Amino acid sequence: MSSPSNFKVGAIPSSTKPRTTRNTTKINKNNNTPMIENLMATLLSFRVEFSDSMKSQCSTQQSLFKDLKNDLKLLSTLVVDLKAKNTKLHEEVDLLKNKVTSLESSGSLLLPSSAAS
């Protein structure tokens, strides 16, 4: 361990200090201006294309949603119609059952096998 006289509070030992090197390369802003302008133009173009694409996609989704909503209304109407027809058919079947029962009980129903004999 270090002796207390060599140790300073808050001091970083020299072996753990990061070694930094100073970058002496200077960036010439004038040389990079066309590159930055091209980059900005490309980014702006991308933004416009992306925005147009999103608008188109949104419009398509809205149209599809509208179509889906209309189809759902149509299906709803068809279901109501089918339920009404189903109810009517059940009523007709019940009526026919009652007629058959009435005919059987009155004995006036002729069966094909008994008519032949």
PDB file of N, CA and C in Angstrom:
ATOM      1  N   MET A   1       0.822  -1.182   0.000  1.00  0.00           N
ATOM      2  CA  MET A   1       0.000   0.000   0.000  1.00  0.00           C
ATOM      3  C   MET A   1       0.862   1.239   0.000  1.00  0.00           C
ATOM      4  N   SER A   2       0.279   2.347  -0.415  1.00  0.00           N
ATOM      5  CA  SER A   2       1.001   3.617  -0.419  1.00  0.00           C
ATOM      6  C   SER A   2       1.078   4.128   1.005  1.00  0.00           C
ATOM      7  N   SER A   3       2.085   4.858   1.217  1.00  0.00           N
ATOM      8  CA  SER A   3       2.202   5.467   2.539  1.00  0.00           C
ATOM      9  C   SER A   3       1.266   6.659   2.592  1.00  0.00           C
ATOM     10  N   PRO A   4       0.724   7.018   3.761  1.00  0.00           N
ATOM     11  CA  PRO A   4      -0.219   8.117   3.871  1.00  0.00           C
ATOM     12  C   PRO A   4       0.335   9.438   3.371  1.00  0.00           C
ATOM     13  N   SER A   5       1.613   9.627   3.424  1.00  0.00           N
ATOM     14  CA  SER A   5       2.162  10.910   2.985  1.00  0.00           C
ATOM     15  C   SER A   5       2.108  11.061   1.471  1.00  0.00           C
ATOM     16  N   ASN A   6       2.115   9.950   0.716  1.00  0.00           N
ATOM     17  CA  ASN A   6       2.050  10.008  -0.742  1.00  0.00           C
ATOM     18  C   ASN A   6       0.614  10.062  -1.268  1.00  0.00           C
ATOM     19  N   PHE A   7      -0.330   9.809  -0.378  1.00  0.00           N
ATOM     20  CA  PHE A   7      -1.729   9.720  -0.801  1.00  0.00           C
ATOM     21  C   PHE A   7      -2.444  11.037  -0.580  1.00  0.00           C
ATOM     22  N   LYS A   8      -3.109  11.531  -1.617  1.00  0.00           N
ATOM     23  CA  LYS A   8      -3.889  12.754  -1.507  1.00  0.00           C
ATOM     24  C   LYS A   8      -5.359  12.388  -1.700  1.00  0.00           C
ATOM     25  N   VAL A   9      -6.237  13.008  -0.921  1.00  0.00           N
ATOM     26  CA  VAL A   9      -7.662  12.747  -1.020  1.00  0.00           C
ATOM     27  C   VAL A   9      -8.150  13.220  -2.389  1.00  0.00           C
ATOM     28  N   GLY A  10      -8.883  12.330  -3.073  1.00  0.00           N
ATOM     29  CA  GLY A  10      -9.431  12.675  -4.378  1.00  0.00           C
ATOM     30  C   GLY A  10      -8.438  12.535  -5.505  1.00  0.00           C
ATOM     31  N   ALA A  11      -7.216  12.164  -5.228  1.00  0.00           N
ATOM     32  CA  ALA A  11      -6.219  12.037  -6.282  1.00  0.00           C
ATOM     33  C   ALA A  11      -6.378  10.686  -6.967  1.00  0.00           C
ATOM     34  N   ILE A  12      -6.169  10.685  -8.261  1.00  0.00           N
ATOM     35  CA  ILE A  12      -6.220   9.444  -9.027  1.00  0.00           C
ATOM     36  C   ILE A  12      -4.790   9.011  -9.278  1.00  0.00           C
ATOM     37  N   PRO A  13      -4.487   7.762  -8.915  1.00  0.00           N
ATOM     38  CA  PRO A  13      -3.122   7.292  -9.166  1.00  0.00           C
ATOM     39  C   PRO A  13      -2.793   7.386 -10.647  1.00  0.00           C
ATOM     40  N   SER A  14      -1.576   7.707 -10.946  1.00  0.00           N
ATOM     41  CA  SER A  14      -1.175   7.933 -12.337  1.00  0.00           C
ATOM     42  C   SER A  14      -1.353   6.694 -13.201  1.00  0.00           C
ATOM     43  N   SER A  15      -1.302   5.503 -12.625  1.00  0.00           N
ATOM     44  CA  SER A  15      -1.448   4.286 -13.420  1.00  0.00           C
ATOM     45  C   SER A  15      -2.898   4.091 -13.885  1.00  0.00           C
ATOM     46  N   THR A  16      -3.876   4.733 -13.236  1.00  0.00           N
ATOM     47  CA  THR A  16      -5.274   4.572 -13.629  1.00  0.00           C
ATOM     48  C   THR A  16      -5.812   5.771 -14.389  1.00  0.00           C
ATOM     49  N   LYS A  17      -5.037   6.818 -14.536  1.00  0.00           N
ATOM     50  CA  LYS A  17      -5.489   7.993 -15.272  1.00  0.00           C
ATOM     51  C   LYS A  17      -5.638   7.626 -16.751  1.00  0.00           C
ATOM     52  N   PRO A  18      -6.720   8.046 -17.362  1.00  0.00           N
ATOM     53  CA  PRO A  18      -6.854   7.759 -18.792  1.00  0.00           C
ATOM     54  C   PRO A  18      -5.855   8.583 -19.581  1.00  0.00           C
ATOM     55  N   ARG A  19      -5.315   7.948 -20.560  1.00  0.00           N
ATOM     56  CA  ARG A  19      -4.360   8.652 -21.412  1.00  0.00           C
ATOM     57  C   ARG A  19      -5.116   9.182 -22.612  1.00  0.00           C
ATOM     58  N   THR A  20      -5.158  10.456 -22.715  1.00  0.00           N
ATOM     59  CA  THR A  20      -5.863  11.052 -23.842  1.00  0.00           C
ATOM     60  C   THR A  20      -4.858  11.623 -24.803  1.00  0.00           C
ATOM     61  N   THR A  21      -5.206  11.472 -26.041  1.00  0.00           N
ATOM     62  CA  THR A  21      -4.365  12.096 -27.063  1.00  0.00           C
ATOM     63  C   THR A  21      -5.229  13.131 -27.738  1.00  0.00           C
ATOM     64  N   ARG A  22      -4.663  14.198 -28.013  1.00  0.00           N
ATOM     65  CA  ARG A  22      -5.397  15.281 -28.622  1.00  0.00           C
ATOM     66  C   ARG A  22      -5.423  15.086 -30.133  1.00  0.00           C
ATOM     67  N   ASN A  23      -6.629  15.156 -30.670  1.00  0.00           N
ATOM     68  CA  ASN A  23      -6.774  15.011 -32.107  1.00  0.00           C
ATOM     69  C   ASN A  23      -6.386  16.338 -32.755  1.00  0.00           C
ATOM     70  N   THR A  24      -5.363  16.284 -33.538  1.00  0.00           N
ATOM     71  CA  THR A  24      -4.873  17.518 -34.149  1.00  0.00           C
ATOM     72  C   THR A  24      -5.431  17.736 -35.545  1.00  0.00           C
ATOM     73  N   THR A  25      -6.307  16.801 -36.002  1.00  0.00           N
ATOM     74  CA  THR A  25      -6.888  16.964 -37.325  1.00  0.00           C
ATOM     75  C   THR A  25      -7.963  18.035 -37.258  1.00  0.00           C
ATOM     76  N   LYS A  26      -7.837  19.022 -38.085  1.00  0.00           N
ATOM     77  CA  LYS A  26      -8.822  20.094 -38.125  1.00  0.00           C
ATOM     78  C   LYS A  26      -9.778  19.824 -39.278  1.00  0.00           C
ATOM     79  N   ILE A  27     -11.061  20.068 -38.988  1.00  0.00           N
ATOM     80  CA  ILE A  27     -12.075  19.863 -40.008  1.00  0.00           C
ATOM     81  C   ILE A  27     -12.269  21.179 -40.745  1.00  0.00           C
ATOM     82  N   ASN A  28     -12.124  21.077 -42.016  1.00  0.00           N
ATOM     83  CA  ASN A  28     -12.337  22.251 -42.852  1.00  0.00           C
ATOM     84  C   ASN A  28     -13.823  22.306 -43.194  1.00  0.00           C
ATOM     85  N   LYS A  29     -14.529  23.245 -42.616  1.00  0.00           N
ATOM     86  CA  LYS A  29     -15.968  23.343 -42.801  1.00  0.00           C
ATOM     87  C   LYS A  29     -16.333  23.625 -44.249  1.00  0.00           C
ATOM     88  N   ASN A  30     -15.526  24.321 -44.956  1.00  0.00           N
ATOM     89  CA  ASN A  30     -15.825  24.642 -46.345  1.00  0.00           C
ATOM     90  C   ASN A  30     -15.809  23.408 -47.231  1.00  0.00           C
ATOM     91  N   ASN A  31     -14.912  22.450 -46.929  1.00  0.00           N
ATOM     92  CA  ASN A  31     -14.828  21.229 -47.734  1.00  0.00           C
ATOM     93  C   ASN A  31     -16.023  20.318 -47.477  1.00  0.00           C
ATOM     94  N   ASN A  32     -16.617  20.357 -46.275  1.00  0.00           N
ATOM     95  CA  ASN A  32     -17.719  19.472 -45.922  1.00  0.00           C
ATOM     96  C   ASN A  32     -19.080  20.051 -46.268  1.00  0.00           C
ATOM     97  N   THR A  33     -19.138  21.315 -46.653  1.00  0.00           N
ATOM     98  CA  THR A  33     -20.423  21.948 -46.925  1.00  0.00           C
ATOM     99  C   THR A  33     -21.202  21.244 -48.035  1.00  0.00           C
ATOM    100  N   PRO A  34     -20.611  20.914 -49.174  1.00  0.00           N
ATOM    101  CA  PRO A  34     -21.387  20.207 -50.205  1.00  0.00           C
ATOM    102  C   PRO A  34     -21.892  18.848 -49.710  1.00  0.00           C
ATOM    103  N   MET A  35     -21.084  18.154 -48.944  1.00  0.00           N
ATOM    104  CA  MET A  35     -21.483  16.854 -48.431  1.00  0.00           C
ATOM    105  C   MET A  35     -22.669  17.004 -47.466  1.00  0.00           C
ATOM    106  N   ILE A  36     -22.612  17.996 -46.606  1.00  0.00           N
ATOM    107  CA  ILE A  36     -23.700  18.235 -45.654  1.00  0.00           C
ATOM    108  C   ILE A  36     -24.962  18.653 -46.408  1.00  0.00           C
ATOM    109  N   GLU A  37     -24.804  19.499 -47.427  1.00  0.00           N
ATOM    110  CA  GLU A  37     -25.962  19.924 -48.213  1.00  0.00           C
ATOM    111  C   GLU A  37     -26.596  18.728 -48.931  1.00  0.00           C
ATOM    112  N   ASN A  38     -25.742  17.858 -49.478  1.00  0.00           N
ATOM    113  CA  ASN A  38     -26.263  16.650 -50.137  1.00  0.00           C
ATOM    114  C   ASN A  38     -26.995  15.757 -49.136  1.00  0.00           C
ATOM    115  N   LEU A  39     -26.424  15.622 -47.956  1.00  0.00           N
ATOM    116  CA  LEU A  39     -27.034  14.805 -46.913  1.00  0.00           C
ATOM    117  C   LEU A  39     -28.389  15.390 -46.509  1.00  0.00           C
ATOM    118  N   MET A  40     -28.433  16.702 -46.317  1.00  0.00           N
ATOM    119  CA  MET A  40     -29.680  17.358 -45.940  1.00  0.00           C
ATOM    120  C   MET A  40     -30.728  17.212 -47.049  1.00  0.00           C
ATOM    121  N   ALA A  41     -30.307  17.375 -48.295  1.00  0.00           N
ATOM    122  CA  ALA A  41     -31.232  17.225 -49.420  1.00  0.00           C
ATOM    123  C   ALA A  41     -31.780  15.800 -49.465  1.00  0.00           C
ATOM    124  N   THR A  42     -30.906  14.832 -49.247  1.00  0.00           N
ATOM    125  CA  THR A  42     -31.330  13.427 -49.237  1.00  0.00           C
ATOM    126  C   THR A  42     -32.312  13.178 -48.098  1.00  0.00           C
ATOM    127  N   LEU A  43     -32.017  13.705 -46.928  1.00  0.00           N
ATOM    128  CA  LEU A  43     -32.913  13.530 -45.775  1.00  0.00           C
ATOM    129  C   LEU A  43     -34.267  14.187 -46.025  1.00  0.00           C
ATOM    130  N   LEU A  44     -34.261  15.377 -46.594  1.00  0.00           N
ATOM    131  CA  LEU A  44     -35.516  16.058 -46.901  1.00  0.00           C
ATOM    132  C   LEU A  44     -36.328  15.282 -47.934  1.00  0.00           C
ATOM    133  N   SER A  45     -35.634  14.763 -48.931  1.00  0.00           N
ATOM    134  CA  SER A  45     -36.301  13.974 -49.957  1.00  0.00           C
ATOM    135  C   SER A  45     -36.911  12.708 -49.342  1.00  0.00           C
ATOM    136  N   PHE A  46     -36.143  12.066 -48.479  1.00  0.00           N
ATOM    137  CA  PHE A  46     -36.634  10.867 -47.796  1.00  0.00           C
ATOM    138  C   PHE A  46     -37.860  11.199 -46.951  1.00  0.00           C
ATOM    139  N   ARG A  47     -37.815  12.326 -46.254  1.00  0.00           N
ATOM    140  CA  ARG A  47     -38.936  12.730 -45.406  1.00  0.00           C
ATOM    141  C   ARG A  47     -40.191  12.948 -46.246  1.00  0.00           C
ATOM    142  N   VAL A  48     -40.039  13.601 -47.385  1.00  0.00           N
ATOM    143  CA  VAL A  48     -41.181  13.848 -48.258  1.00  0.00           C
ATOM    144  C   VAL A  48     -41.738  12.523 -48.784  1.00  0.00           C
ATOM    145  N   GLU A  49     -40.860  11.640 -49.247  1.00  0.00           N
ATOM    146  CA  GLU A  49     -41.298  10.344 -49.758  1.00  0.00           C
ATOM    147  C   GLU A  49     -41.977   9.525 -48.661  1.00  0.00           C
ATOM    148  N   PHE A  50     -41.390   9.536 -47.483  1.00  0.00           N
ATOM    149  CA  PHE A  50     -41.940   8.786 -46.358  1.00  0.00           C
ATOM    150  C   PHE A  50     -43.315   9.344 -45.976  1.00  0.00           C
ATOM    151  N   SER A  51     -43.408  10.650 -45.924  1.00  0.00           N
ATOM    152  CA  SER A  51     -44.673  11.302 -45.584  1.00  0.00           C
ATOM    153  C   SER A  51     -45.747  10.970 -46.623  1.00  0.00           C
ATOM    154  N   ASP A  52     -45.391  11.036 -47.894  1.00  0.00           N
ATOM    155  CA  ASP A  52     -46.338  10.695 -48.960  1.00  0.00           C
ATOM    156  C   ASP A  52     -46.766   9.235 -48.856  1.00  0.00           C
ATOM    157  N   SER A  53     -45.810   8.386 -48.564  1.00  0.00           N
ATOM    158  CA  SER A  53     -46.113   6.965 -48.418  1.00  0.00           C
ATOM    159  C   SER A  53     -47.066   6.729 -47.251  1.00  0.00           C
ATOM    160  N   MET A  54     -46.836   7.412 -46.156  1.00  0.00           N
ATOM    161  CA  MET A  54     -47.703   7.272 -44.979  1.00  0.00           C
ATOM    162  C   MET A  54     -49.107   7.790 -45.280  1.00  0.00           C
ATOM    163  N   LYS A  55     -49.198   8.908 -46.001  1.00  0.00           N
ATOM    164  CA  LYS A  55     -50.506   9.450 -46.374  1.00  0.00           C
ATOM    165  C   LYS A  55     -51.255   8.462 -47.253  1.00  0.00           C
ATOM    166  N   SER A  56     -50.539   7.895 -48.212  1.00  0.00           N
ATOM    167  CA  SER A  56     -51.150   6.925 -49.116  1.00  0.00           C
ATOM    168  C   SER A  56     -51.614   5.693 -48.347  1.00  0.00           C
ATOM    169  N   GLN A  57     -50.772   5.214 -47.465  1.00  0.00           N
ATOM    170  CA  GLN A  57     -51.110   4.037 -46.671  1.00  0.00           C
ATOM    171  C   GLN A  57     -52.304   4.330 -45.760  1.00  0.00           C
ATOM    172  N   CYS A  58     -52.319   5.500 -45.175  1.00  0.00           N
ATOM    173  CA  CYS A  58     -53.432   5.904 -44.307  1.00  0.00           C
ATOM    174  C   CYS A  58     -54.722   5.974 -45.113  1.00  0.00           C
ATOM    175  N   SER A  59     -54.651   6.547 -46.282  1.00  0.00           N
ATOM    176  CA  SER A  59     -55.820   6.653 -47.149  1.00  0.00           C
ATOM    177  C   SER A  59     -56.327   5.266 -47.535  1.00  0.00           C
ATOM    178  N   THR A  60     -55.417   4.372 -47.864  1.00  0.00           N
ATOM    179  CA  THR A  60     -55.789   3.005 -48.223  1.00  0.00           C
ATOM    180  C   THR A  60     -56.455   2.306 -47.048  1.00  0.00           C
ATOM    181  N   GLN A  61     -55.884   2.465 -45.861  1.00  0.00           N
ATOM    182  CA  GLN A  61     -56.463   1.829 -44.677  1.00  0.00           C
ATOM    183  C   GLN A  61     -57.845   2.402 -44.363  1.00  0.00           C
ATOM    184  N   GLN A  62     -58.012   3.702 -44.544  1.00  0.00           N
ATOM    185  CA  GLN A  62     -59.323   4.306 -44.312  1.00  0.00           C
ATOM    186  C   GLN A  62     -60.348   3.756 -45.300  1.00  0.00           C
ATOM    187  N   SER A  63     -59.936   3.609 -46.545  1.00  0.00           N
ATOM    188  CA  SER A  63     -60.830   3.063 -47.560  1.00  0.00           C
ATOM    189  C   SER A  63     -61.195   1.615 -47.236  1.00  0.00           C
ATOM    190  N   LEU A  64     -60.209   0.825 -46.841  1.00  0.00           N
ATOM    191  CA  LEU A  64     -60.463  -0.566 -46.476  1.00  0.00           C
ATOM    192  C   LEU A  64     -61.379  -0.659 -45.258  1.00  0.00           C
ATOM    193  N   PHE A  65     -61.177   0.228 -44.307  1.00  0.00           N
ATOM    194  CA  PHE A  65     -62.015   0.237 -43.116  1.00  0.00           C
ATOM    195  C   PHE A  65     -63.456   0.580 -43.479  1.00  0.00           C
ATOM    196  N   LYS A  66     -63.623   1.556 -44.368  1.00  0.00           N
ATOM    197  CA  LYS A  66     -64.958   1.953 -44.811  1.00  0.00           C
ATOM    198  C   LYS A  66     -65.644   0.779 -45.507  1.00  0.00           C
ATOM    199  N   ASP A  67     -64.913   0.089 -46.391  1.00  0.00           N
ATOM    200  CA  ASP A  67     -65.458  -1.080 -47.077  1.00  0.00           C
ATOM    201  C   ASP A  67     -65.841  -2.174 -46.084  1.00  0.00           C
ATOM    202  N   LEU A  68     -64.981  -2.404 -45.117  1.00  0.00           N
ATOM    203  CA  LEU A  68     -65.235  -3.422 -44.105  1.00  0.00           C
ATOM    204  C   LEU A  68     -66.492  -3.081 -43.300  1.00  0.00           C
ATOM    205  N   LYS A  69     -66.635  -1.803 -42.962  1.00  0.00           N
ATOM    206  CA  LYS A  69     -67.812  -1.351 -42.222  1.00  0.00           C
ATOM    207  C   LYS A  69     -69.088  -1.579 -43.038  1.00  0.00           C
ATOM    208  N   ASN A  70     -69.035  -1.256 -44.328  1.00  0.00           N
ATOM    209  CA  ASN A  70     -70.196  -1.475 -45.200  1.00  0.00           C
ATOM    210  C   ASN A  70     -70.519  -2.959 -45.327  1.00  0.00           C
ATOM    211  N   ASP A  71     -69.483  -3.788 -45.469  1.00  0.00           N
ATOM    212  CA  ASP A  71     -69.691  -5.235 -45.545  1.00  0.00           C
ATOM    213  C   ASP A  71     -70.316  -5.764 -44.258  1.00  0.00           C
ATOM    214  N   LEU A  72     -69.889  -5.228 -43.142  1.00  0.00           N
ATOM    215  CA  LEU A  72     -70.436  -5.650 -41.858  1.00  0.00           C
ATOM    216  C   LEU A  72     -71.917  -5.271 -41.746  1.00  0.00           C
ATOM    217  N   LYS A  73     -72.263  -4.079 -42.217  1.00  0.00           N
ATOM    218  CA  LYS A  73     -73.678  -3.670 -42.219  1.00  0.00           C
ATOM    219  C   LYS A  73     -74.499  -4.622 -43.087  1.00  0.00           C
ATOM    220  N   LEU A  74     -73.962  -4.957 -44.265  1.00  0.00           N
ATOM    221  CA  LEU A  74     -74.656  -5.864 -45.171  1.00  0.00           C
ATOM    222  C   LEU A  74     -74.836  -7.234 -44.513  1.00  0.00           C
ATOM    223  N   LEU A  75     -73.782  -7.741 -43.901  1.00  0.00           N
ATOM    224  CA  LEU A  75     -73.876  -9.047 -43.223  1.00  0.00           C
ATOM    225  C   LEU A  75     -74.886  -9.007 -42.086  1.00  0.00           C
ATOM    226  N   SER A  76     -74.913  -7.912 -41.377  1.00  0.00           N
ATOM    227  CA  SER A  76     -75.869  -7.740 -40.285  1.00  0.00           C
ATOM    228  C   SER A  76     -77.298  -7.821 -40.818  1.00  0.00           C
ATOM    229  N   THR A  77     -77.543  -7.146 -41.920  1.00  0.00           N
ATOM    230  CA  THR A  77     -78.868  -7.172 -42.545  1.00  0.00           C
ATOM    231  C   THR A  77     -79.218  -8.588 -43.001  1.00  0.00           C
ATOM    232  N   LEU A  78     -78.242  -9.276 -43.597  1.00  0.00           N
ATOM    233  CA  LEU A  78     -78.481 -10.650 -44.053  1.00  0.00           C
ATOM    234  C   LEU A  78     -78.793 -11.578 -42.881  1.00  0.00           C
ATOM    235  N   VAL A  79     -78.119 -11.399 -41.762  1.00  0.00           N
ATOM    236  CA  VAL A  79     -78.368 -12.229 -40.582  1.00  0.00           C
ATOM    237  C   VAL A  79     -79.789 -11.997 -40.069  1.00  0.00           C
ATOM    238  N   VAL A  80     -80.212 -10.737 -40.026  1.00  0.00           N
ATOM    239  CA  VAL A  80     -81.578 -10.424 -39.589  1.00  0.00           C
ATOM    240  C   VAL A  80     -82.584 -11.095 -40.527  1.00  0.00           C
ATOM    241  N   ASP A  81     -82.352 -11.013 -41.851  1.00  0.00           N
ATOM    242  CA  ASP A  81     -83.247 -11.650 -42.824  1.00  0.00           C
ATOM    243  C   ASP A  81     -83.282 -13.165 -42.631  1.00  0.00           C
ATOM    244  N   LEU A  82     -82.118 -13.769 -42.430  1.00  0.00           N
ATOM    245  CA  LEU A  82     -82.063 -15.224 -42.238  1.00  0.00           C
ATOM    246  C   LEU A  82     -82.792 -15.645 -40.966  1.00  0.00           C
ATOM    247  N   LYS A  83     -82.663 -14.864 -39.916  1.00  0.00           N
ATOM    248  CA  LYS A  83     -83.372 -15.186 -38.668  1.00  0.00           C
ATOM    249  C   LYS A  83     -84.877 -15.122 -38.884  1.00  0.00           C
ATOM    250  N   ALA A  84     -85.332 -14.115 -39.625  1.00  0.00           N
ATOM    251  CA  ALA A  84     -86.764 -13.981 -39.906  1.00  0.00           C
ATOM    252  C   ALA A  84     -87.257 -15.171 -40.735  1.00  0.00           C
ATOM    253  N   LYS A  85     -86.509 -15.547 -41.756  1.00  0.00           N
ATOM    254  CA  LYS A  85     -86.890 -16.697 -42.586  1.00  0.00           C
ATOM    255  C   LYS A  85     -86.874 -17.985 -41.773  1.00  0.00           C
ATOM    256  N   ASN A  86     -85.883 -18.116 -40.913  1.00  0.00           N
ATOM    257  CA  ASN A  86     -85.780 -19.304 -40.063  1.00  0.00           C
ATOM    258  C   ASN A  86     -86.998 -19.413 -39.146  1.00  0.00           C
ATOM    259  N   THR A  87     -87.385 -18.288 -38.560  1.00  0.00           N
ATOM    260  CA  THR A  87     -88.563 -18.267 -37.695  1.00  0.00           C
ATOM    261  C   THR A  87     -89.813 -18.654 -38.489  1.00  0.00           C
ATOM    262  N   LYS A  88     -89.957 -18.117 -39.693  1.00  0.00           N
ATOM    263  CA  LYS A  88     -91.106 -18.420 -40.542  1.00  0.00           C
ATOM    264  C   LYS A  88     -91.133 -19.915 -40.900  1.00  0.00           C
ATOM    265  N   LEU A  89     -89.966 -20.471 -41.230  1.00  0.00           N
ATOM    266  CA  LEU A  89     -89.903 -21.899 -41.567  1.00  0.00           C
ATOM    267  C   LEU A  89     -90.263 -22.770 -40.359  1.00  0.00           C
ATOM    268  N   HIS A  90     -89.811 -22.380 -39.165  1.00  0.00           N
ATOM    269  CA  HIS A  90     -90.168 -23.137 -37.960  1.00  0.00           C
ATOM    270  C   HIS A  90     -91.690 -23.112 -37.757  1.00  0.00           C
ATOM    271  N   GLU A  91     -92.298 -21.951 -37.990  1.00  0.00           N
ATOM    272  CA  GLU A  91     -93.754 -21.835 -37.858  1.00  0.00           C
ATOM    273  C   GLU A  91     -94.473 -22.729 -38.865  1.00  0.00           C
ATOM    274  N   GLU A  92     -93.974 -22.770 -40.120  1.00  0.00           N
ATOM    275  CA  GLU A  92     -94.580 -23.615 -41.151  1.00  0.00           C
ATOM    276  C   GLU A  92     -94.425 -25.095 -40.818  1.00  0.00           C
ATOM    277  N   VAL A  93     -93.248 -25.465 -40.295  1.00  0.00           N
ATOM    278  CA  VAL A  93     -93.024 -26.858 -39.909  1.00  0.00           C
ATOM    279  C   VAL A  93     -93.972 -27.244 -38.775  1.00  0.00           C
ATOM    280  N   ASP A  94     -94.134 -26.360 -37.801  1.00  0.00           N
ATOM    281  CA  ASP A  94     -95.059 -26.636 -36.696  1.00  0.00           C
ATOM    282  C   ASP A  94     -96.497 -26.782 -37.217  1.00  0.00           C
ATOM    283  N   LEU A  95     -96.884 -25.907 -38.150  1.00  0.00           N
ATOM    284  CA  LEU A  95     -98.221 -25.984 -38.745  1.00  0.00           C
ATOM    285  C   LEU A  95     -98.418 -27.312 -39.463  1.00  0.00           C
ATOM    286  N   LEU A  96     -97.411 -27.716 -40.245  1.00  0.00           N
ATOM    287  CA  LEU A  96     -97.505 -29.000 -40.959  1.00  0.00           C
ATOM    288  C   LEU A  96     -97.557 -30.183 -39.982  1.00  0.00           C
ATOM    289  N   LYS A  97     -96.807 -30.112 -38.894  1.00  0.00           N
ATOM    290  CA  LYS A  97     -96.842 -31.180 -37.886  1.00  0.00           C
ATOM    291  C   LYS A  97     -98.255 -31.298 -37.301  1.00  0.00           C
ATOM    292  N   ASN A  98     -98.845 -30.160 -37.014  1.00  0.00           N
ATOM    293  CA  ASN A  98    -100.207 -30.158 -36.464  1.00  0.00           C
ATOM    294  C   ASN A  98    -101.210 -30.742 -37.458  1.00  0.00           C
ATOM    295  N   LYS A  99    -101.057 -30.432 -38.740  1.00  0.00           N
ATOM    296  CA  LYS A  99    -101.950 -30.980 -39.764  1.00  0.00           C
ATOM    297  C   LYS A  99    -101.799 -32.489 -39.864  1.00  0.00           C
ATOM    298  N   VAL A 100    -100.542 -32.953 -39.846  1.00  0.00           N
ATOM    299  CA  VAL A 100    -100.299 -34.396 -39.926  1.00  0.00           C
ATOM    300  C   VAL A 100    -100.900 -35.083 -38.707  1.00  0.00           C
ATOM    301  N   THR A 101    -100.711 -34.525 -37.538  1.00  0.00           N
ATOM    302  CA  THR A 101    -101.264 -35.102 -36.313  1.00  0.00           C
ATOM    303  C   THR A 101    -102.788 -35.139 -36.390  1.00  0.00           C
ATOM    304  N   SER A 102    -103.383 -34.079 -36.883  1.00  0.00           N
ATOM    305  CA  SER A 102    -104.839 -34.012 -37.021  1.00  0.00           C
ATOM    306  C   SER A 102    -105.337 -35.068 -37.998  1.00  0.00           C
ATOM    307  N   LEU A 103    -104.664 -35.206 -39.121  1.00  0.00           N
ATOM    308  CA  LEU A 103    -105.068 -36.208 -40.115  1.00  0.00           C
ATOM    309  C   LEU A 103    -104.896 -37.624 -39.580  1.00  0.00           C
ATOM    310  N   GLU A 104    -103.813 -37.865 -38.863  1.00  0.00           N
ATOM    311  CA  GLU A 104    -103.583 -39.207 -38.290  1.00  0.00           C
ATOM    312  C   GLU A 104    -104.665 -39.546 -37.263  1.00  0.00           C
ATOM    313  N   SER A 105    -105.036 -38.566 -36.462  1.00  0.00           N
ATOM    314  CA  SER A 105    -106.025 -38.842 -35.420  1.00  0.00           C
ATOM    315  C   SER A 105    -107.432 -39.021 -35.993  1.00  0.00           C
ATOM    316  N   SER A 106    -107.726 -38.398 -37.107  1.00  0.00           N
ATOM    317  CA  SER A 106    -109.047 -38.542 -37.719  1.00  0.00           C
ATOM    318  C   SER A 106    -109.144 -39.814 -38.552  1.00  0.00           C
ATOM    319  N   GLY A 107    -108.044 -40.439 -38.857  1.00  0.00           N
ATOM    320  CA  GLY A 107    -108.020 -41.671 -39.626  1.00  0.00           C
ATOM    321  C   GLY A 107    -108.202 -41.444 -41.106  1.00  0.00           C
ATOM    322  N   SER A 108    -108.194 -40.243 -41.534  1.00  0.00           N
ATOM    323  CA  SER A 108    -108.401 -39.998 -42.957  1.00  0.00           C
ATOM    324  C   SER A 108    -107.097 -39.999 -43.732  1.00  0.00           C
ATOM    325  N   LEU A 109    -105.999 -40.256 -43.044  1.00  0.00           N
ATOM    326  CA  LEU A 109    -104.702 -40.290 -43.727  1.00  0.00           C
ATOM    327  C   LEU A 109    -104.505 -41.660 -44.337  1.00  0.00           C
ATOM    328  N   LEU A 110    -104.347 -41.710 -45.613  1.00  0.00           N
ATOM    329  CA  LEU A 110    -104.123 -42.976 -46.274  1.00  0.00           C
ATOM    330  C   LEU A 110    -102.631 -43.139 -46.520  1.00  0.00           C
ATOM    331  N   LEU A 111    -102.122 -44.234 -46.042  1.00  0.00           N
ATOM    332  CA  LEU A 111    -100.716 -44.538 -46.260  1.00  0.00           C
ATOM    333  C   LEU A 111    -100.591 -45.269 -47.586  1.00  0.00           C
ATOM    334  N   PRO A 112     -99.513 -45.067 -48.307  1.00  0.00           N
ATOM    335  CA  PRO A 112     -99.359 -45.736 -49.601  1.00  0.00           C
ATOM    336  C   PRO A 112     -99.444 -47.255 -49.493  1.00  0.00           C
ATOM    337  N   SER A 113     -98.943 -47.868 -48.420  1.00  0.00           N
ATOM    338  CA  SER A 113     -98.961 -49.321 -48.292  1.00  0.00           C
ATOM    339  C   SER A 113    -100.380 -49.825 -48.033  1.00  0.00           C
ATOM    340  N   SER A 114    -101.189 -49.086 -47.313  1.00  0.00           N
ATOM    341  CA  SER A 114    -102.566 -49.532 -47.028  1.00  0.00           C
ATOM    342  C   SER A 114    -103.471 -49.279 -48.233  1.00  0.00           C
ATOM    343  N   ALA A 115    -103.150 -48.309 -49.042  1.00  0.00           N
ATOM    344  CA  ALA A 115    -103.966 -48.019 -50.225  1.00  0.00           C
ATOM    345  C   ALA A 115    -103.825 -49.106 -51.260  1.00  0.00           C
ATOM    346  N   ALA A 116    -102.672 -49.776 -51.302  1.00  0.00           N
ATOM    347  CA  ALA A 116    -102.419 -50.814 -52.290  1.00  0.00           C
ATOM    348  C   ALA A 116    -103.186 -52.105 -51.935  1.00  0.00           C
ATOM    349  N   SER A 117    -103.467 -52.355 -50.677  1.00  0.00           N
ATOM    350  CA  SER A 117    -104.121 -53.605 -50.320  1.00  0.00           C
ATOM    351  C   SER A 117    -105.589 -53.581 -50.391  1.00  0.00           C
TER     352      SER A 117
END
